PDB file of N, CA and C in Angstrom:
ATOM      1  N   MET A   1     108.684 117.758 146.449  1.00  0.00           N
ATOM      2  CA  MET A   1     107.666 118.033 147.456  1.00  0.00           C
ATOM      3  C   MET A   1     106.271 117.676 146.936  1.00  0.00           C
ATOM      4  N   LYS A   2     106.074 117.844 145.620  1.00  0.00           N
ATOM      5  CA  LYS A   2     104.769 117.512 145.042  1.00  0.00           C
ATOM      6  C   LYS A   2     104.435 116.037 145.244  1.00  0.00           C
ATOM      7  N   ALA A   3     105.428 115.168 145.067  1.00  0.00           N
ATOM      8  CA  ALA A   3     105.192 113.733 145.263  1.00  0.00           C
ATOM      9  C   ALA A   3     104.803 113.448 146.712  1.00  0.00           C
ATOM     10  N   ALA A   4     105.435 114.142 147.649  1.00  0.00           N
ATOM     11  CA  ALA A   4     105.128 113.943 149.065  1.00  0.00           C
ATOM     12  C   ALA A   4     103.718 114.429 149.400  1.00  0.00           C
ATOM     13  N   THR A   5     103.334 115.589 148.867  1.00  0.00           N
ATOM     14  CA  THR A   5     101.984 116.088 149.142  1.00  0.00           C
ATOM     15  C   THR A   5     100.921 115.248 148.436  1.00  0.00           C
ATOM     16  N   ASP A   6     101.234 114.773 147.232  1.00  0.00           N
ATOM     17  CA  ASP A   6     100.296 113.878 146.535  1.00  0.00           C
ATOM     18  C   ASP A   6     100.104 112.582 147.308  1.00  0.00           C
ATOM     19  N   PHE A   7     101.198 112.064 147.870  1.00  0.00           N
ATOM     20  CA  PHE A   7     101.107 110.832 148.648  1.00  0.00           C
ATOM     21  C   PHE A   7     100.262 111.053 149.903  1.00  0.00           C
ATOM     22  N   GLU A   8     100.453 112.203 150.555  1.00  0.00           N
ATOM     23  CA  GLU A   8      99.651 112.495 151.738  1.00  0.00           C
ATOM     24  C   GLU A   8      98.175 112.604 151.372  1.00  0.00           C
ATOM     25  N   ALA A   9      97.865 113.263 150.264  1.00  0.00           N
ATOM     26  CA  ALA A   9      96.468 113.386 149.825  1.00  0.00           C
ATOM     27  C   ALA A   9      95.879 112.009 149.528  1.00  0.00           C
ATOM     28  N   MET A  10      96.668 111.134 148.909  1.00  0.00           N
ATOM     29  CA  MET A  10      96.194 109.784 148.626  1.00  0.00           C
ATOM     30  C   MET A  10      95.907 109.033 149.932  1.00  0.00           C
ATOM     31  N   THR A  11      96.782 109.210 150.921  1.00  0.00           N
ATOM     32  CA  THR A  11      96.589 108.560 152.219  1.00  0.00           C
ATOM     33  C   THR A  11      95.318 109.057 152.890  1.00  0.00           C
ATOM     34  N   ILE A  12      95.093 110.354 152.836  1.00  0.00           N
ATOM     35  CA  ILE A  12      93.870 110.923 153.410  1.00  0.00           C
ATOM     36  C   ILE A  12      92.641 110.369 152.689  1.00  0.00           C
ATOM     37  N   GLY A  13      92.727 110.247 151.369  1.00  0.00           N
ATOM     38  CA  GLY A  13      91.626 109.677 150.597  1.00  0.00           C
ATOM     39  C   GLY A  13      91.308 108.255 151.016  1.00  0.00           C
ATOM     40  N   GLN A  14      92.354 107.477 151.279  1.00  0.00           N
ATOM     41  CA  GLN A  14      92.147 106.101 151.730  1.00  0.00           C
ATOM     42  C   GLN A  14      91.464 106.071 153.094  1.00  0.00           C
ATOM     43  N   MET A  15      91.744 107.074 153.911  1.00  0.00           N
ATOM     44  CA  MET A  15      91.103 107.146 155.227  1.00  0.00           C
ATOM     45  C   MET A  15      89.657 107.618 155.124  1.00  0.00           C
ATOM     46  N   LEU A  16      89.354 108.476 154.151  1.00  0.00           N
ATOM     47  CA  LEU A  16      87.989 108.980 153.983  1.00  0.00           C
ATOM     48  C   LEU A  16      87.057 107.968 153.323  1.00  0.00           C
ATOM     49  N   GLU A  17      87.607 107.093 152.502  1.00  0.00           N
ATOM     50  CA  GLU A  17      86.792 106.161 151.723  1.00  0.00           C
ATOM     51  C   GLU A  17      85.837 105.322 152.569  1.00  0.00           C
ATOM     52  N   PRO A  18      86.276 104.715 153.681  1.00  0.00           N
ATOM     53  CA  PRO A  18      85.322 103.925 154.489  1.00  0.00           C
ATOM     54  C   PRO A  18      84.196 104.770 155.074  1.00  0.00           C
ATOM     55  N   MET A  19      84.473 106.042 155.348  1.00  0.00           N
ATOM     56  CA  MET A  19      83.443 106.915 155.883  1.00  0.00           C
ATOM     57  C   MET A  19      82.307 107.086 154.860  1.00  0.00           C
ATOM     58  N   PHE A  20      82.676 107.285 153.597  1.00  0.00           N
ATOM     59  CA  PHE A  20      81.664 107.452 152.557  1.00  0.00           C
ATOM     60  C   PHE A  20      80.957 106.140 152.239  1.00  0.00           C
ATOM     61  N   ALA A  21      81.591 105.017 152.502  1.00  0.00           N
ATOM     62  CA  ALA A  21      80.971 103.715 152.237  1.00  0.00           C
ATOM     63  C   ALA A  21      79.793 103.454 153.174  1.00  0.00           C
ATOM     64  N   THR A  22      79.745 104.149 154.310  1.00  0.00           N
ATOM     65  CA  THR A  22      78.675 103.925 155.284  1.00  0.00           C
ATOM     66  C   THR A  22      77.447 104.797 155.040  1.00  0.00           C
ATOM     67  N   VAL A  23      77.551 105.736 154.088  1.00  0.00           N
ATOM     68  CA  VAL A  23      76.440 106.655 153.818  1.00  0.00           C
ATOM     69  C   VAL A  23      75.460 106.024 152.839  1.00  0.00           C
ATOM     70  N   ASP A  24      74.197 105.984 153.223  1.00  0.00           N
ATOM     71  CA  ASP A  24      73.139 105.470 152.344  1.00  0.00           C
ATOM     72  C   ASP A  24      72.650 106.611 151.460  1.00  0.00           C
ATOM     73  N   THR A  25      73.081 106.599 150.205  1.00  0.00           N
ATOM     74  CA  THR A  25      72.729 107.700 149.299  1.00  0.00           C
ATOM     75  C   THR A  25      71.371 107.506 148.625  1.00  0.00           C
ATOM     76  N   ALA A  26      70.751 106.360 148.796  1.00  0.00           N
ATOM     77  CA  ALA A  26      69.474 106.091 148.133  1.00  0.00           C
ATOM     78  C   ALA A  26      68.381 107.050 148.589  1.00  0.00           C
ATOM     79  N   LYS A  27      68.477 107.519 149.822  1.00  0.00           N
ATOM     80  CA  LYS A  27      67.447 108.416 150.346  1.00  0.00           C
ATOM     81  C   LYS A  27      67.896 109.876 150.345  1.00  0.00           C
ATOM     82  N   GLY A  28      69.011 110.143 149.709  1.00  0.00           N
ATOM     83  CA  GLY A  28      69.541 111.503 149.654  1.00  0.00           C
ATOM     84  C   GLY A  28      68.853 112.357 148.615  1.00  0.00           C
ATOM     85  N   LEU A  29      69.352 113.561 148.467  1.00  0.00           N
ATOM     86  CA  LEU A  29      68.767 114.532 147.551  1.00  0.00           C
ATOM     87  C   LEU A  29      68.760 114.034 146.109  1.00  0.00           C
ATOM     88  N   LEU A  30      69.835 113.378 145.696  1.00  0.00           N
ATOM     89  CA  LEU A  30      69.936 112.914 144.313  1.00  0.00           C
ATOM     90  C   LEU A  30      69.469 111.474 144.131  1.00  0.00           C
ATOM     91  N   GLY A  31      69.192 110.768 145.204  1.00  0.00           N
ATOM     92  CA  GLY A  31      68.612 109.439 145.109  1.00  0.00           C
ATOM     93  C   GLY A  31      69.579 108.312 144.790  1.00  0.00           C
ATOM     94  N   GLY A  32      70.874 108.535 144.938  1.00  0.00           N
ATOM     95  CA  GLY A  32      71.841 107.457 144.693  1.00  0.00           C
ATOM     96  C   GLY A  32      71.960 107.151 143.221  1.00  0.00           C
ATOM     97  N   GLY A  33      72.158 105.903 142.900  1.00  0.00           N
ATOM     98  CA  GLY A  33      72.234 105.490 141.510  1.00  0.00           C
ATOM     99  C   GLY A  33      73.658 105.380 140.999  1.00  0.00           C
ATOM    100  N   THR A  34      73.762 104.987 139.752  1.00  0.00           N
ATOM    101  CA  THR A  34      75.053 104.751 139.114  1.00  0.00           C
ATOM    102  C   THR A  34      75.883 106.030 139.004  1.00  0.00           C
ATOM    103  N   GLY A  35      75.256 107.111 138.624  1.00  0.00           N
ATOM    104  CA  GLY A  35      75.968 108.379 138.479  1.00  0.00           C
ATOM    105  C   GLY A  35      76.614 108.824 139.770  1.00  0.00           C
ATOM    106  N   GLU A  36      75.855 108.713 140.851  1.00  0.00           N
ATOM    107  CA  GLU A  36      76.384 109.112 142.158  1.00  0.00           C
ATOM    108  C   GLU A  36      77.516 108.192 142.600  1.00  0.00           C
ATOM    109  N   GLU A  37      77.373 106.910 142.338  1.00  0.00           N
ATOM    110  CA  GLU A  37      78.436 105.957 142.680  1.00  0.00           C
ATOM    111  C   GLU A  37      79.709 106.229 141.877  1.00  0.00           C
ATOM    112  N   ASN A  38      79.560 106.635 140.624  1.00  0.00           N
ATOM    113  CA  ASN A  38      80.729 106.953 139.800  1.00  0.00           C
ATOM    114  C   ASN A  38      81.383 108.259 140.232  1.00  0.00           C
ATOM    115  N   PHE A  39      80.598 109.186 140.748  1.00  0.00           N
ATOM    116  CA  PHE A  39      81.095 110.479 141.170  1.00  0.00           C
ATOM    117  C   PHE A  39      81.797 110.425 142.529  1.00  0.00           C
ATOM    118  N   LYS A  40      81.390 109.495 143.381  1.00  0.00           N
ATOM    119  CA  LYS A  40      81.892 109.425 144.754  1.00  0.00           C
ATOM    120  C   LYS A  40      83.416 109.332 144.847  1.00  0.00           C
ATOM    121  N   PRO A  41      84.110 108.488 144.073  1.00  0.00           N
ATOM    122  CA  PRO A  41      85.577 108.448 144.170  1.00  0.00           C
ATOM    123  C   PRO A  41      86.238 109.780 143.810  1.00  0.00           C
ATOM    124  N   MET A  42      85.673 110.492 142.841  1.00  0.00           N
ATOM    125  CA  MET A  42      86.225 111.805 142.475  1.00  0.00           C
ATOM    126  C   MET A  42      86.021 112.803 143.610  1.00  0.00           C
ATOM    127  N   LEU A  43      84.870 112.745 144.261  1.00  0.00           N
ATOM    128  CA  LEU A  43      84.583 113.618 145.386  1.00  0.00           C
ATOM    129  C   LEU A  43      85.568 113.359 146.521  1.00  0.00           C
ATOM    130  N   ILE A  44      85.794 112.093 146.828  1.00  0.00           N
ATOM    131  CA  ILE A  44      86.729 111.728 147.899  1.00  0.00           C
ATOM    132  C   ILE A  44      88.136 112.219 147.576  1.00  0.00           C
ATOM    133  N   THR A  45      88.565 112.046 146.335  1.00  0.00           N
ATOM    134  CA  THR A  45      89.899 112.497 145.922  1.00  0.00           C
ATOM    135  C   THR A  45      90.048 114.002 146.096  1.00  0.00           C
ATOM    136  N   GLU A  46      89.059 114.751 145.656  1.00  0.00           N
ATOM    137  CA  GLU A  46      89.128 116.204 145.763  1.00  0.00           C
ATOM    138  C   GLU A  46      89.059 116.674 147.213  1.00  0.00           C
ATOM    139  N   MET A  47      88.241 116.009 148.025  1.00  0.00           N
ATOM    140  CA  MET A  47      88.188 116.358 149.445  1.00  0.00           C
ATOM    141  C   MET A  47      89.529 116.089 150.113  1.00  0.00           C
ATOM    142  N   ALA A  48      90.153 114.979 149.769  1.00  0.00           N
ATOM    143  CA  ALA A  48      91.461 114.637 150.337  1.00  0.00           C
ATOM    144  C   ALA A  48      92.513 115.668 149.945  1.00  0.00           C
ATOM    145  N   LYS A  49      92.475 116.136 148.704  1.00  0.00           N
ATOM    146  CA  LYS A  49      93.410 117.177 148.263  1.00  0.00           C
ATOM    147  C   LYS A  49      93.207 118.460 149.052  1.00  0.00           C
ATOM    148  N   GLN A  50      91.957 118.812 149.295  1.00  0.00           N
ATOM    149  CA  GLN A  50      91.669 120.025 150.054  1.00  0.00           C
ATOM    150  C   GLN A  50      92.149 119.902 151.500  1.00  0.00           C
ATOM    151  N   VAL A  51      91.933 118.750 152.103  1.00  0.00           N
ATOM    152  CA  VAL A  51      92.410 118.531 153.476  1.00  0.00           C
ATOM    153  C   VAL A  51      93.925 118.667 153.519  1.00  0.00           C
ATOM    154  N   GLU A  52      94.612 118.076 152.548  1.00  0.00           N
ATOM    155  CA  GLU A  52      96.076 118.139 152.510  1.00  0.00           C
ATOM    156  C   GLU A  52      96.546 119.583 152.318  1.00  0.00           C
ATOM    157  N   GLN A  53      95.895 120.338 151.444  1.00  0.00           N
ATOM    158  CA  GLN A  53      96.289 121.721 151.177  1.00  0.00           C
ATOM    159  C   GLN A  53      96.059 122.638 152.373  1.00  0.00           C
ATOM    160  N   HIS A  54      95.194 122.238 153.272  1.00  0.00           N
ATOM    161  CA  HIS A  54      94.896 123.064 154.443  1.00  0.00           C
ATOM    162  C   HIS A  54      95.488 122.477 155.720  1.00  0.00           C
ATOM    163  N   GLY A  55      96.645 121.849 155.600  1.00  0.00           N
ATOM    164  CA  GLY A  55      97.347 121.345 156.779  1.00  0.00           C
ATOM    165  C   GLY A  55      97.499 119.843 156.815  1.00  0.00           C
ATOM    166  N   GLY A  56      96.543 119.139 156.288  1.00  0.00           N
ATOM    167  CA  GLY A  56      96.617 117.684 156.211  1.00  0.00           C
ATOM    168  C   GLY A  56      96.903 117.018 157.539  1.00  0.00           C
ATOM    169  N   LEU A  57      97.647 115.945 157.473  1.00  0.00           N
ATOM    170  CA  LEU A  57      98.015 115.172 158.659  1.00  0.00           C
ATOM    171  C   LEU A  57      99.447 115.457 159.099  1.00  0.00           C
ATOM    172  N   GLY A  58     100.154 116.255 158.319  1.00  0.00           N
ATOM    173  CA  GLY A  58     101.545 116.552 158.638  1.00  0.00           C
ATOM    174  C   GLY A  58     102.524 115.508 158.132  1.00  0.00           C
ATOM    175  N   LEU A  59     102.101 114.692 157.199  1.00  0.00           N
ATOM    176  CA  LEU A  59     102.961 113.631 156.676  1.00  0.00           C
ATOM    177  C   LEU A  59     103.912 114.110 155.582  1.00  0.00           C
ATOM    178  N   ALA A  60     103.497 115.095 154.797  1.00  0.00           N
ATOM    179  CA  ALA A  60     104.255 115.497 153.609  1.00  0.00           C
ATOM    180  C   ALA A  60     105.683 115.912 153.937  1.00  0.00           C
ATOM    181  N   ASN A  61     105.884 116.688 154.999  1.00  0.00           N
ATOM    182  CA  ASN A  61     107.233 117.128 155.347  1.00  0.00           C
ATOM    183  C   ASN A  61     108.127 115.961 155.735  1.00  0.00           C
ATOM    184  N   SER A  62     107.592 115.010 156.492  1.00  0.00           N
ATOM    185  CA  SER A  62     108.369 113.832 156.882  1.00  0.00           C
ATOM    186  C   SER A  62     108.708 112.965 155.673  1.00  0.00           C
ATOM    187  N   ILE A  63     107.752 112.803 154.797  1.00  0.00           N
ATOM    188  CA  ILE A  63     107.972 112.000 153.584  1.00  0.00           C
ATOM    189  C   ILE A  63     109.018 112.675 152.704  1.00  0.00           C
ATOM    190  N   TYR A  64     108.919 113.985 152.554  1.00  0.00           N
ATOM    191  CA  TYR A  64     109.875 114.743 151.743  1.00  0.00           C
ATOM    192  C   TYR A  64     111.290 114.614 152.306  1.00  0.00           C
ATOM    193  N   ALA A  65     111.430 114.752 153.618  1.00  0.00           N
ATOM    194  CA  ALA A  65     112.746 114.624 154.259  1.00  0.00           C
ATOM    195  C   ALA A  65     113.324 113.230 154.026  1.00  0.00           C
ATOM    196  N   GLN A  66     112.490 112.219 154.124  1.00  0.00           N
ATOM    197  CA  GLN A  66     112.953 110.844 153.904  1.00  0.00           C
ATOM    198  C   GLN A  66     113.366 110.634 152.447  1.00  0.00           C
ATOM    199  N   MET A  67     112.623 111.218 151.525  1.00  0.00           N
ATOM    200  CA  MET A  67     112.979 111.115 150.108  1.00  0.00           C
ATOM    201  C   MET A  67     114.345 111.749 149.845  1.00  0.00           C
ATOM    202  N   LEU A  68     114.604 112.902 150.464  1.00  0.00           N
ATOM    203  CA  LEU A  68     115.900 113.566 150.306  1.00  0.00           C
ATOM    204  C   LEU A  68     117.032 112.711 150.867  1.00  0.00           C
ATOM    205  N   LYS A  69     116.804 112.097 152.029  1.00  0.00           N
ATOM    206  CA  LYS A  69     117.811 111.208 152.628  1.00  0.00           C
ATOM    207  C   LYS A  69     118.136 110.044 151.701  1.00  0.00           C
ATOM    208  N   MET A  70     117.105 109.471 151.107  1.00  0.00           N
ATOM    209  CA  MET A  70     117.309 108.338 150.206  1.00  0.00           C
ATOM    210  C   MET A  70     118.087 108.758 148.963  1.00  0.00           C
ATOM    211  N   GLN A  71     117.828 109.957 148.457  1.00  0.00           N
ATOM    212  CA  GLN A  71     118.554 110.455 147.276  1.00  0.00           C
ATOM    213  C   GLN A  71     120.014 110.696 147.607  1.00  0.00           C
ATOM    214  N   GLU A  72     120.288 111.272 148.777  1.00  0.00           N
ATOM    215  CA  GLU A  72     121.674 111.538 149.162  1.00  0.00           C
ATOM    216  C   GLU A  72     122.445 110.237 149.387  1.00  0.00           C
ATOM    217  N   LYS A  73     121.766 109.250 149.872  1.00  0.00           N
ATOM    218  CA  LYS A  73     122.388 107.961 150.148  1.00  0.00           C
ATOM    219  C   LYS A  73     122.873 107.291 148.852  1.00  0.00           C
ATOM    220  N   HIS A  74     122.160 107.509 147.762  1.00  0.00           N
ATOM    221  CA  HIS A  74     122.489 106.865 146.487  1.00  0.00           C
ATOM    222  C   HIS A  74     123.469 107.660 145.639  1.00  0.00           C
ATOM    223  N   ARG A  75     123.952 108.785 146.133  1.00  0.00           N
ATOM    224  CA  ARG A  75     124.916 109.582 145.366  1.00  0.00           C
ATOM    225  C   ARG A  75     126.299 109.130 145.600  1.00  0.00           C
TER     226      ARG A  75
END
């Protein structure tokens, strides 16, 4: 189940990434810069994990069921 929830969080992160790409951080509180650009992927990853832990998109259960089917098929 952990692999399924991790995959869902990764998918959510991929969906959030373009949203953060449109934000102009140069005029923000911290003024943008290299540090902020390096921090942004970590922020997106953690936000995606939180979204997944609080209901997510509902993909994890379907992915988990499919993984179980594939395992049974190979036995």
